[in-house]
C-alpha atoms as a PDB file:
ATOM      1  CA  MET A   1     -21.703  81.856  -3.313  1.00  0.00           C
ATOM      2  CA  GLY A   2     -18.131  82.497  -1.056  1.00  0.00           C
ATOM      3  CA  GLU A   3     -17.075  85.636   0.456  1.00  0.00           C
ATOM      4  CA  VAL A   4     -14.597  86.033  -2.004  1.00  0.00           C
ATOM      5  CA  ASP A   5     -16.478  85.235  -4.868  1.00  0.00           C
ATOM      6  CA  PHE A   6     -19.258  87.929  -3.645  1.00  0.00           C
ATOM      7  CA  SER A   7     -16.997  90.629  -2.822  1.00  0.00           C
ATOM      8  CA  GLN A   8     -15.230  89.836  -6.660  1.00  0.00           C
ATOM      9  CA  LYS A   9     -18.642  89.822  -8.528  1.00  0.00           C
ATOM     10  CA  LEU A  10     -19.946  92.975  -6.698  1.00  0.00           C
ATOM     11  CA  GLU A  11     -16.574  95.385  -7.508  1.00  0.00           C
ATOM     12  CA  GLU A  12     -16.425  93.645 -10.943  1.00  0.00           C
ATOM     13  CA  ARG A  13     -20.079  94.851 -11.627  1.00  0.00           C
ATOM     14  CA  ILE A  14     -19.011  98.727 -10.305  1.00  0.00           C
ATOM     15  CA  ARG A  15     -15.952  98.469 -12.416  1.00  0.00           C
ATOM     16  CA  GLU A  16     -18.142  97.515 -15.723  1.00  0.00           C
ATOM     17  CA  LEU A  17     -20.579 100.369 -14.568  1.00  0.00           C
ATOM     18  CA  ILE A  18     -17.826 102.699 -14.526  1.00  0.00           C
ATOM     19  CA  ARG A  19     -16.293 101.587 -17.731  1.00  0.00           C
ATOM     20  CA  ASP A  20     -19.899 101.240 -19.612  1.00  0.00           C
ATOM     21  CA  TYR A  21     -21.046 104.381 -18.877  1.00  0.00           C
ATOM     22  CA  LYS A  22     -17.489 106.187 -18.907  1.00  0.00           C
ATOM     23  CA  LEU A  23     -18.099 107.598 -15.791  1.00  0.00           C
ATOM     24  CA  ILE A  24     -14.075 108.455 -15.424  1.00  0.00           C
ATOM     25  CA  GLU A  25     -11.755 109.692 -17.885  1.00  0.00           C
ATOM     26  CA  GLU A  26      -8.289 109.038 -17.627  1.00  0.00           C
ATOM     27  CA  GLY A  27      -6.495 111.696 -16.446  1.00  0.00           C
ATOM     28  CA  GLU A  28      -9.298 112.898 -14.240  1.00  0.00           C
ATOM     29  CA  LEU A  29      -9.408 113.708 -10.424  1.00  0.00           C
ATOM     30  CA  VAL A  30     -12.347 112.227  -8.750  1.00  0.00           C
ATOM     31  CA  ALA A  31     -13.639 113.651  -5.344  1.00  0.00           C
ATOM     32  CA  VAL A  32     -15.225 111.055  -3.156  1.00  0.00           C
ATOM     33  CA  ALA A  33     -18.319 112.202  -1.120  1.00  0.00           C
ATOM     34  CA  LEU A  34     -17.087 110.403   1.954  1.00  0.00           C
ATOM     35  CA  SER A  35     -19.444 109.885   4.840  1.00  0.00           C
ATOM     36  CA  GLY A  36     -17.621 107.036   6.553  1.00  0.00           C
ATOM     37  CA  GLY A  37     -20.825 104.945   5.605  1.00  0.00           C
ATOM     38  CA  LYS A  38     -20.856 101.173   3.740  1.00  0.00           C
ATOM     39  CA  ASP A  39     -21.841 102.738   0.704  1.00  0.00           C
ATOM     40  CA  SER A  40     -19.095 105.376   0.421  1.00  0.00           C
ATOM     41  CA  LEU A  41     -16.322 103.257   1.626  1.00  0.00           C
ATOM     42  CA  LEU A  42     -17.329 100.668  -1.032  1.00  0.00           C
ATOM     43  CA  VAL A  43     -16.900 103.565  -3.516  1.00  0.00           C
ATOM     44  CA  LEU A  44     -13.559 104.816  -2.083  1.00  0.00           C
ATOM     45  CA  HIS A  45     -12.291 100.892  -1.854  1.00  0.00           C
ATOM     46  CA  VAL A  46     -13.268 100.133  -5.634  1.00  0.00           C
ATOM     47  CA  LEU A  47     -11.997 103.624  -6.828  1.00  0.00           C
ATOM     48  CA  ALA A  48      -8.822 103.160  -5.266  1.00  0.00           C
ATOM     49  CA  ASP A  49      -7.846  99.524  -6.722  1.00  0.00           C
ATOM     50  CA  LEU A  50      -8.952 101.134 -10.241  1.00  0.00           C
ATOM     51  CA  ARG A  51      -7.110 104.463  -9.947  1.00  0.00           C
ATOM     52  CA  ASP A  52      -3.713 102.836 -11.458  1.00  0.00           C
ATOM     53  CA  ASP A  53      -5.643 100.759 -13.901  1.00  0.00           C
ATOM     54  CA  LEU A  54      -7.682 103.588 -15.638  1.00  0.00           C
ATOM     55  CA  GLY A  55      -4.716 106.324 -15.081  1.00  0.00           C
ATOM     56  CA  PHE A  56      -7.089 108.586 -12.662  1.00  0.00           C
ATOM     57  CA  ASP A  57      -6.645 110.000  -9.176  1.00  0.00           C
ATOM     58  CA  ILE A  58      -8.650 110.363  -6.017  1.00  0.00           C
ATOM     59  CA  VAL A  59      -9.203 112.521  -3.052  1.00  0.00           C
ATOM     60  CA  ALA A  60     -11.882 112.247  -0.232  1.00  0.00           C
ATOM     61  CA  ILE A  61     -14.110 115.091   0.942  1.00  0.00           C
ATOM     62  CA  THR A  62     -15.994 114.585   4.536  1.00  0.00           C
ATOM     63  CA  VAL A  63     -18.742 116.943   5.671  1.00  0.00           C
ATOM     64  CA  ASP A  64     -19.202 117.158   9.391  1.00  0.00           C
ATOM     65  CA  GLU A  65     -22.886 118.243  10.010  1.00  0.00           C
ATOM     66  CA  GLY A  66     -22.269 118.277  13.738  1.00  0.00           C
ATOM     67  CA  ILE A  67     -24.688 115.198  14.921  1.00  0.00           C
ATOM     68  CA  LYS A  68     -23.928 114.458  18.442  1.00  0.00           C
ATOM     69  CA  ASP A  69     -23.206 110.719  19.481  1.00  0.00           C
ATOM     70  CA  TYR A  70     -23.023 110.101  15.410  1.00  0.00           C
ATOM     71  CA  ARG A  71     -20.882 112.061  13.328  1.00  0.00           C
ATOM     72  CA  GLU A  72     -17.836 111.503  14.937  1.00  0.00           C
ATOM     73  CA  LYS A  73     -18.317 107.761  14.517  1.00  0.00           C
ATOM     74  CA  ALA A  74     -18.181 108.049  10.971  1.00  0.00           C
ATOM     75  CA  LEU A  75     -15.251 110.487  10.816  1.00  0.00           C
ATOM     76  CA  GLU A  76     -13.390 107.553  12.454  1.00  0.00           C
ATOM     77  CA  ALA A  77     -14.365 105.194  10.116  1.00  0.00           C
ATOM     78  CA  ALA A  78     -13.547 107.697   7.374  1.00  0.00           C
ATOM     79  CA  ARG A  79      -9.898 108.773   8.632  1.00  0.00           C
ATOM     80  CA  TYR A  80      -9.310 105.044   9.316  1.00  0.00           C
ATOM     81  CA  ASN A  81      -9.817 103.754   5.712  1.00  0.00           C
ATOM     82  CA  THR A  82      -8.524 106.758   3.762  1.00  0.00           C
ATOM     83  CA  LYS A  83      -5.032 106.265   5.419  1.00  0.00           C
ATOM     84  CA  LEU A  84      -5.211 102.675   4.968  1.00  0.00           C
ATOM     85  CA  LEU A  85      -5.347 103.093   0.854  1.00  0.00           C
ATOM     86  CA  GLY A  86      -3.427 106.320   0.904  1.00  0.00           C
ATOM     87  CA  VAL A  87      -6.100 108.669  -0.297  1.00  0.00           C
ATOM     88  CA  GLU A  88      -5.925 112.559   1.124  1.00  0.00           C
ATOM     89  CA  LEU A  89      -8.961 113.142   3.234  1.00  0.00           C
ATOM     90  CA  VAL A  90     -10.259 116.766   3.389  1.00  0.00           C
ATOM     91  CA  GLU A  91     -12.494 117.508   6.200  1.00  0.00           C
ATOM     92  CA  LYS A  92     -15.078 120.403   6.291  1.00  0.00           C
ATOM     93  CA  SER A  93     -17.957 121.109   8.706  1.00  0.00           C
ATOM     94  CA  PHE A  94     -20.903 123.136   8.777  1.00  0.00           C
ATOM     95  CA  ILE A  95     -19.351 125.041  11.842  1.00  0.00           C
ATOM     96  CA  GLU A  96     -16.501 125.956  10.177  1.00  0.00           C
ATOM     97  CA  GLU A  97     -18.464 127.469   6.912  1.00  0.00           C
ATOM     98  CA  PHE A  98     -21.768 128.569   8.785  1.00  0.00           C
ATOM     99  CA  ASP A  99     -20.551 129.010  12.143  1.00  0.00           C
ATOM    100  CA  PHE A 100     -23.481 126.615  13.600  1.00  0.00           C
ATOM    101  CA  SER A 101     -23.914 122.545  13.984  1.00  0.00           C
ATOM    102  CA  LEU A 102     -27.019 120.710  12.521  1.00  0.00           C
ATOM    103  CA  ASP A 103     -27.785 120.190  15.731  1.00  0.00           C
ATOM    104  CA  ASP A 104     -28.276 124.079  16.373  1.00  0.00           C
ATOM    105  CA  VAL A 105     -30.713 124.563  13.600  1.00  0.00           C
ATOM    106  CA  TYR A 106     -32.606 121.496  12.829  1.00  0.00           C
ATOM    107  CA  GLY A 107     -35.852 122.514  14.955  1.00  0.00           C
ATOM    108  CA  ILE A 108     -36.603 125.295  12.703  1.00  0.00           C
ATOM    109  CA  PHE A 109     -37.309 123.054   9.404  1.00  0.00           C
ATOM    110  CA  LYS A 110     -39.968 120.613   9.227  1.00  0.00           C
ATOM    111  CA  SER A 111     -37.095 117.815   8.492  1.00  0.00           C
ATOM    112  CA  PRO A 112     -33.635 118.273   9.349  1.00  0.00           C
ATOM    113  CA  CYS A 113     -32.856 116.899   5.799  1.00  0.00           C
ATOM    114  CA  ILE A 114     -33.681 119.739   4.101  1.00  0.00           C
ATOM    115  CA  PRO A 115     -30.781 122.057   5.532  1.00  0.00           C
ATOM    116  CA  CYS A 116     -28.455 119.120   5.959  1.00  0.00           C
ATOM    117  CA  GLY A 117     -28.540 117.943   2.307  1.00  0.00           C
ATOM    118  CA  VAL A 118     -28.668 121.627   0.791  1.00  0.00           C
ATOM    119  CA  PHE A 119     -26.007 122.463   2.616  1.00  0.00           C
ATOM    120  CA  ARG A 120     -23.665 119.563   2.115  1.00  0.00           C
ATOM    121  CA  ARG A 121     -23.939 119.583  -1.307  1.00  0.00           C
ATOM    122  CA  HIS A 122     -22.955 123.211  -0.964  1.00  0.00           C
ATOM    123  CA  ILE A 123     -19.794 122.483   1.136  1.00  0.00           C
ATOM    124  CA  LEU A 124     -18.786 119.715  -1.203  1.00  0.00           C
ATOM    125  CA  ASN A 125     -19.190 121.352  -4.402  1.00  0.00           C
ATOM    126  CA  ARG A 126     -16.922 124.249  -3.239  1.00  0.00           C
ATOM    127  CA  ALA A 127     -14.543 121.953  -1.668  1.00  0.00           C
ATOM    128  CA  ALA A 128     -14.291 119.801  -5.093  1.00  0.00           C
ATOM    129  CA  ARG A 129     -14.120 122.837  -6.847  1.00  0.00           C
ATOM    130  CA  SER A 130     -11.174 124.149  -4.930  1.00  0.00           C
ATOM    131  CA  LEU A 131      -9.259 120.785  -5.364  1.00  0.00           C
ATOM    132  CA  GLY A 132      -9.523 120.901  -8.954  1.00  0.00           C
ATOM    133  CA  ALA A 133     -11.810 118.019  -9.247  1.00  0.00           C
ATOM    134  CA  ASP A 134     -13.471 116.866 -12.486  1.00  0.00           C
ATOM    135  CA  LYS A 135     -16.115 114.738 -10.754  1.00  0.00           C
ATOM    136  CA  ILE A 136     -17.557 113.810  -7.551  1.00  0.00           C
ATOM    137  CA  ALA A 137     -18.211 110.270  -6.696  1.00  0.00           C
ATOM    138  CA  THR A 138     -21.105 109.628  -4.362  1.00  0.00           C
ATOM    139  CA  GLY A 139     -22.215 106.395  -2.672  1.00  0.00           C
ATOM    140  CA  HIS A 140     -25.767 106.795  -3.985  1.00  0.00           C
ATOM    141  CA  ASN A 141     -26.683 102.998  -4.239  1.00  0.00           C
ATOM    142  CA  MET A 142     -29.915 101.369  -6.197  1.00  0.00           C
ATOM    143  CA  ASP A 143     -32.159 102.025  -3.119  1.00  0.00           C
ATOM    144  CA  ASP A 144     -31.602 105.831  -2.887  1.00  0.00           C
ATOM    145  CA  GLU A 145     -32.179 106.277  -6.509  1.00  0.00           C
ATOM    146  CA  ILE A 146     -35.271 104.420  -6.573  1.00  0.00           C
ATOM    147  CA  GLN A 147     -36.236 106.501  -3.271  1.00  0.00           C
ATOM    148  CA  SER A 148     -35.402 109.580  -4.883  1.00  0.00           C
ATOM    149  CA  PHE A 149     -37.171 108.867  -7.885  1.00  0.00           C
ATOM    150  CA  MET A 150     -40.448 107.877  -5.856  1.00  0.00           C
ATOM    151  CA  MET A 151     -40.017 110.896  -3.847  1.00  0.00           C
ATOM    152  CA  SER A 152     -39.956 113.170  -6.949  1.00  0.00           C
ATOM    153  CA  LEU A 153     -43.019 111.337  -8.191  1.00  0.00           C
ATOM    154  CA  VAL A 154     -45.151 111.909  -5.050  1.00  0.00           C
ATOM    155  CA  ARG A 155     -44.270 115.819  -5.059  1.00  0.00           C
ATOM    156  CA  GLY A 156     -44.865 115.817  -8.823  1.00  0.00           C
ATOM    157  CA  ASP A 157     -41.582 117.121  -9.122  1.00  0.00           C
ATOM    158  CA  THR A 158     -40.581 115.916 -12.981  1.00  0.00           C
ATOM    159  CA  ARG A 159     -37.884 118.053 -13.158  1.00  0.00           C
ATOM    160  CA  LYS A 160     -35.433 115.639 -10.825  1.00  0.00           C
ATOM    161  CA  PHE A 161     -36.199 112.947 -12.996  1.00  0.00           C
ATOM    162  CA  SER A 162     -33.401 113.995 -15.343  1.00  0.00           C
ATOM    163  CA  LYS A 163     -30.907 113.318 -12.487  1.00  0.00           C
ATOM    164  CA  PHE A 164     -31.854 109.819 -12.753  1.00  0.00           C
ATOM    165  CA  GLY A 165     -29.032 107.654 -13.647  1.00  0.00           C
ATOM    166  CA  PRO A 166     -25.113 107.202 -12.850  1.00  0.00           C
ATOM    167  CA  LYS A 167     -23.801 110.093 -14.520  1.00  0.00           C
ATOM    168  CA  LEU A 168     -24.789 113.819 -14.409  1.00  0.00           C
ATOM    169  CA  GLU A 169     -23.122 115.888 -16.979  1.00  0.00           C
ATOM    170  CA  MET A 170     -21.486 119.305 -16.449  1.00  0.00           C
ATOM    171  CA  ILE A 171     -24.164 122.163 -16.499  1.00  0.00           C
ATOM    172  CA  HIS A 172     -22.259 124.964 -15.266  1.00  0.00           C
ATOM    173  CA  SER A 173     -18.626 125.380 -15.042  1.00  0.00           C
ATOM    174  CA  LYS A 174     -18.905 126.234 -11.303  1.00  0.00           C
ATOM    175  CA  LEU A 175     -20.985 122.995 -10.555  1.00  0.00           C
ATOM    176  CA  ILE A 176     -18.912 119.301 -10.752  1.00  0.00           C
ATOM    177  CA  PRO A 177     -20.232 116.748 -12.224  1.00  0.00           C
ATOM    178  CA  ARG A 178     -21.278 113.573 -10.247  1.00  0.00           C
ATOM    179  CA  ILE A 179     -21.146 110.062 -10.483  1.00  0.00           C
ATOM    180  CA  LYS A 180     -22.846 106.905  -9.051  1.00  0.00           C
ATOM    181  CA  PRO A 181     -20.881 104.060  -9.090  1.00  0.00           C
ATOM    182  CA  LEU A 182     -23.152 102.180  -6.955  1.00  0.00           C
ATOM    183  CA  TRP A 183     -26.419 103.449  -9.095  1.00  0.00           C
ATOM    184  CA  ASN A 184     -27.116  99.501  -9.683  1.00  0.00           C
ATOM    185  CA  THR A 185     -25.628  97.976  -6.529  1.00  0.00           C
ATOM    186  CA  SER A 186     -28.369  97.133  -3.720  1.00  0.00           C
ATOM    187  CA  GLU A 187     -28.270  98.623  -0.254  1.00  0.00           C
ATOM    188  CA  GLU A 188     -27.851  95.422   1.072  1.00  0.00           C
ATOM    189  CA  GLU A 189     -25.012  94.502  -0.958  1.00  0.00           C
ATOM    190  CA  THR A 190     -22.924  96.939   0.327  1.00  0.00           C
ATOM    191  CA  ARG A 191     -24.202  96.120   3.911  1.00  0.00           C
ATOM    192  CA  THR A 192     -22.862  92.609   3.245  1.00  0.00           C
ATOM    193  CA  TRP A 193     -19.515  93.806   1.206  1.00  0.00           C
ATOM    194  CA  ALA A 194     -18.519  95.795   4.427  1.00  0.00           C
ATOM    195  CA  ILE A 195     -19.334  93.000   6.974  1.00  0.00           C
ATOM    196  CA  LEU A 196     -17.847  90.052   4.719  1.00  0.00           C
ATOM    197  CA  ASN A 197     -13.973  92.221   4.314  1.00  0.00           C
ATOM    198  CA  ASN A 198     -14.154  93.538   7.872  1.00  0.00           C
ATOM    199  CA  ILE A 199     -14.186  96.726   6.907  1.00  0.00           C
ATOM    200  CA  ARG A 200     -14.212  99.620   9.514  1.00  0.00           C
ATOM    201  CA  VAL A 201     -17.323 101.090   8.546  1.00  0.00           C
ATOM    202  CA  HIS A 202     -20.249 103.048  10.657  1.00  0.00           C
ATOM    203  CA  LEU A 203     -23.279 101.724  10.144  1.00  0.00           C
ATOM    204  CA  GLU A 204     -25.957 103.574  12.409  1.00  0.00           C
ATOM    205  CA  ASP A 205     -28.667 105.146  10.873  1.00  0.00           C
ATOM    206  CA  CYS A 206     -28.943 109.199  11.190  1.00  0.00           C
ATOM    207  CA  PRO A 207     -30.818 109.807  14.211  1.00  0.00           C
ATOM    208  CA  TYR A 208     -32.922 112.303  12.292  1.00  0.00           C
ATOM    209  CA  SER A 209     -33.393 110.386   8.862  1.00  0.00           C
ATOM    210  CA  SER A 210     -36.509 108.767  10.429  1.00  0.00           C
ATOM    211  CA  LEU A 211     -38.290 112.486  10.490  1.00  0.00           C
ATOM    212  CA  SER A 212     -37.783 112.547   6.746  1.00  0.00           C
ATOM    213  CA  LEU A 213     -39.932 111.649   3.754  1.00  0.00           C
ATOM    214  CA  ARG A 214     -37.123 109.039   2.171  1.00  0.00           C
ATOM    215  CA  SER A 215     -37.153 107.278   5.428  1.00  0.00           C
ATOM    216  CA  ARG A 216     -41.302 106.517   5.115  1.00  0.00           C
ATOM    217  CA  ILE A 217     -40.650 105.685   1.188  1.00  0.00           C
ATOM    218  CA  LYS A 218     -37.471 103.423   2.264  1.00  0.00           C
ATOM    219  CA  ARG A 219     -39.989 101.741   5.008  1.00  0.00           C
ATOM    220  CA  PHE A 220     -42.611 100.908   2.340  1.00  0.00           C
ATOM    221  CA  LEU A 221     -40.301  99.570  -0.494  1.00  0.00           C
ATOM    222  CA  ASN A 222     -38.128  97.081   2.042  1.00  0.00           C
ATOM    223  CA  GLY A 223     -41.777  96.047   3.044  1.00  0.00           C
ATOM    224  CA  VAL A 224     -42.744  95.244  -0.738  1.00  0.00           C
ATOM    225  CA  GLU A 225     -39.188  93.455  -1.017  1.00  0.00           C
ATOM    226  CA  SER A 226     -39.628  91.459   1.521  1.00  0.00           C
ATOM    227  CA  LYS A 227     -42.884  90.293   0.286  1.00  0.00           C
ATOM    228  CA  ARG A 228     -42.293  89.962  -2.945  1.00  0.00           C
ATOM    229  CA  PRO A 229     -37.847  89.758  -3.666  1.00  0.00           C
ATOM    230  CA  GLY A 230     -36.562  91.294  -6.580  1.00  0.00           C
ATOM    231  CA  THR A 231     -39.345  94.234  -6.765  1.00  0.00           C
ATOM    232  CA  LYS A 232     -36.556  96.548  -6.309  1.00  0.00           C
ATOM    233  CA  ASP A 233     -34.681  95.452  -9.325  1.00  0.00           C
ATOM    234  CA  LEU A 234     -38.000  95.158 -11.341  1.00  0.00           C
ATOM    235  CA  MET A 235     -38.329  98.782 -10.431  1.00  0.00           C
ATOM    236  CA  MET A 236     -34.828  99.921 -11.444  1.00  0.00           C
ATOM    237  CA  ARG A 237     -34.745  97.827 -15.028  1.00  0.00           C
ATOM    238  CA  SER A 238     -38.493  99.695 -15.246  1.00  0.00           C
ATOM    239  CA  PHE A 239     -37.333 103.045 -15.050  1.00  0.00           C
ATOM    240  CA  ILE A 240     -34.460 102.005 -17.189  1.00  0.00           C
ATOM    241  CA  LYS A 241     -36.564 101.067 -19.897  1.00  0.00           C
ATOM    242  CA  THR A 242     -39.287 103.917 -19.284  1.00  0.00           C
ATOM    243  CA  PHE A 243     -37.201 107.375 -18.930  1.00  0.00           C
ATOM    244  CA  LYS A 244     -34.433 108.555 -20.813  1.00  0.00           C
ATOM    245  CA  MET A 245     -31.211 109.284 -18.720  1.00  0.00           C
ATOM    246  CA  GLU A 246     -30.904 112.357 -20.815  1.00  0.00           C
ATOM    247  CA  GLN A 247     -30.453 116.077 -18.955  1.00  0.00           C
ATOM    248  CA  GLU A 248     -32.855 118.800 -19.761  1.00  0.00           C
ATOM    249  CA  GLU A 249     -31.141 121.863 -20.563  1.00  0.00           C
ATOM    250  CA  VAL A 250     -31.520 123.764 -17.096  1.00  0.00           C
ATOM    251  CA  GLU A 251     -30.640 127.622 -17.131  1.00  0.00           C
ATOM    252  CA  LEU A 252     -28.054 128.463 -14.119  1.00  0.00           C
ATOM    253  CA  PHE A 253     -27.672 131.983 -12.691  1.00  0.00           C
ATOM    254  CA  GLU A 254     -24.451 132.598 -10.190  1.00  0.00           C
ATOM    255  CA  CYS A 255     -25.958 133.444  -6.826  1.00  0.00           C
ATOM    256  CA  GLU A 256     -26.180 137.121  -5.560  1.00  0.00           C
ATOM    257  CA  VAL A 257     -24.881 136.576  -2.553  1.00  0.00           C
ATOM    258  CA  CYS A 258     -22.101 133.838  -2.627  1.00  0.00           C
ATOM    259  CA  GLY A 259     -21.543 133.511  -6.543  1.00  0.00           C
ATOM    260  CA  GLU A 260     -22.355 129.599  -6.299  1.00  0.00           C
ATOM    261  CA  PRO A 261     -24.119 127.928  -9.251  1.00  0.00           C
ATOM    262  CA  ALA A 262     -28.313 128.415  -8.545  1.00  0.00           C
ATOM    263  CA  SER A 263     -31.553 127.927 -10.526  1.00  0.00           C
ATOM    264  CA  MET A 264     -32.881 131.024  -9.082  1.00  0.00           C
ATOM    265  CA  ARG A 265     -30.867 134.285  -8.179  1.00  0.00           C
ATOM    266  CA  THR A 266     -30.136 133.353  -4.749  1.00  0.00           C
ATOM    267  CA  CYS A 267     -29.172 129.873  -4.374  1.00  0.00           C
ATOM    268  CA  LYS A 268     -31.141 127.580  -1.958  1.00  0.00           C
ATOM    269  CA  ALA A 269     -28.014 127.617   0.591  1.00  0.00           C
ATOM    270  CA  CYS A 270     -28.125 131.587   1.213  1.00  0.00           C
ATOM    271  CA  GLU A 271     -31.851 131.142   1.059  1.00  0.00           C
ATOM    272  CA  LEU A 272     -31.486 128.720   4.110  1.00  0.00           C
ATOM    273  CA  LEU A 273     -28.656 130.702   5.623  1.00  0.00           C
ATOM    274  CA  SER A 274     -31.130 133.755   5.598  1.00  0.00           C
ATOM    275  CA  VAL A 275     -33.922 131.727   7.425  1.00  0.00           C
ATOM    276  CA  ILE A 276     -31.608 130.572  10.056  1.00  0.00           C
ATOM    277  CA  ARG A 277     -30.249 133.953  10.999  1.00  0.00           C
ATOM    278  CA  GLY A 278     -33.141 135.430  11.242  1.00  0.00           C
ATOM    279  CA  SER A 279     -34.296 132.551  13.577  1.00  0.00           C
ATOM    280  CA  LEU A 280     -31.221 132.462  16.037  1.00  0.00           C
END
């Protein structure tokens, strides 16, 4: 398959997913969670191409966690590509929001991915809501989806199964629904797309990622895939057939500290902030 054919077929598959699952409606504003990596940049480029045809608009939001010698390179890629495509980029940071960087606090936790994920989602949701966004489009690909499912399985956290699927419905007026345009696109495909199209992209792995459970599961799945090509695709097909992609009803509160949606009286972000401020 030629370079042009590969990119065209990949982008058409993503468009079909968006149409088939009605991920985006006419007139909506979609906030792209943009890290500067290959996955979120593929989402950005495809949605930028589709916005006029489907009648929606996009804005990009990037969050600087404060990881020395890593995040700045990704931010440069995010700035370059948004300018190239004529998309507004809104930049947020842990320092700006919380007065500390991930580098300052990672040692407090068993895995730095715990506070990083919680705070990134917290900032992203608030930023998207303030911009009036109807959806948040993330760069979660097929590999990410399988890994997340396996993590929930290992932890016995069956509640997370309801998050399986390319689209999460609105469950609280302050919680912006998320869509995953790369839900059936593999990580290898996004990497190939970025290289073939000479995309200015940040391809380095986060220096903290090796400490996470996700990283161990990723290595395991990649090992199986290398010995039995097609395993990941078969797993994905099995999940789709076995588990209903219907969200369970969830009772959400508003955090007593910050007012953001929460499953408990205090949201996870405020809970972690309390731990951090008690340790600094």
